[in-house]
């Protein structure tokens, strides 16, 4: 179990590194990072499920300029682990665990936004120090500075995942007996998928976060209405 968590956190760090610091091979996208996390925890279907929904949710979020964005790769990896851990307890349905994993992924990703801002501030300090040395005529190892920046990006994602998994591991046995809250069918999961799909379509015509959040909420409500009308 410990080895699995360490591998998961290592993968989360690599995916966080891929966001802007290096490579940019799309490993940081929720669909990719969720699938990777799913295979690590032995539940690839959970990884794909959580990854697809988060990919829809953050399809318009790009790490451009100084714009702070959610820490999608770490949040996705943590959510997938949490969902798989709930299933292993045997006391909850798959639909409930997937929904819980999705909510955890959203919370961790949004909480990780502040750590991204902190990392950017450290990078700005490094760049200012580098420019001062260059302007004074000193020899500067630019590659070493870049390597230090990449190391910070990796360990930020790795440590955030370790912290999130450590805190959430306390909740796994607590929620393990909450399976009766949600039925053992996929009605709620299907409703969530339909609502997010409609919300993504509507949010294309909405501007800003204030416009998108009501669009997603309206999509879920519309999906619920369609389901009730269909009987």
Foldseek 3Di string as FASTA:
>chain_A
DVVLLLVLLLLQLVLLLLQPLDDVPCCQQQQNLLQVLCVSLVHNVLSNLLRVLVCLVCVPDHPPDLDQFFSQNLLSSLLSNQLSLLVVLVQAASQVSSVSSNVSSVVLRVVLSVVVNVLVVVLVVLVVVVVVCVVVPHDDDVVVSSVVSSVSSSVSSSVSSVVSNVVCVVCSVVCSNVRVVDDNDCPVVVLLVQLSVQLSVVCVPFDDPVRSVVSSVVSSVVSVVVVVVVD
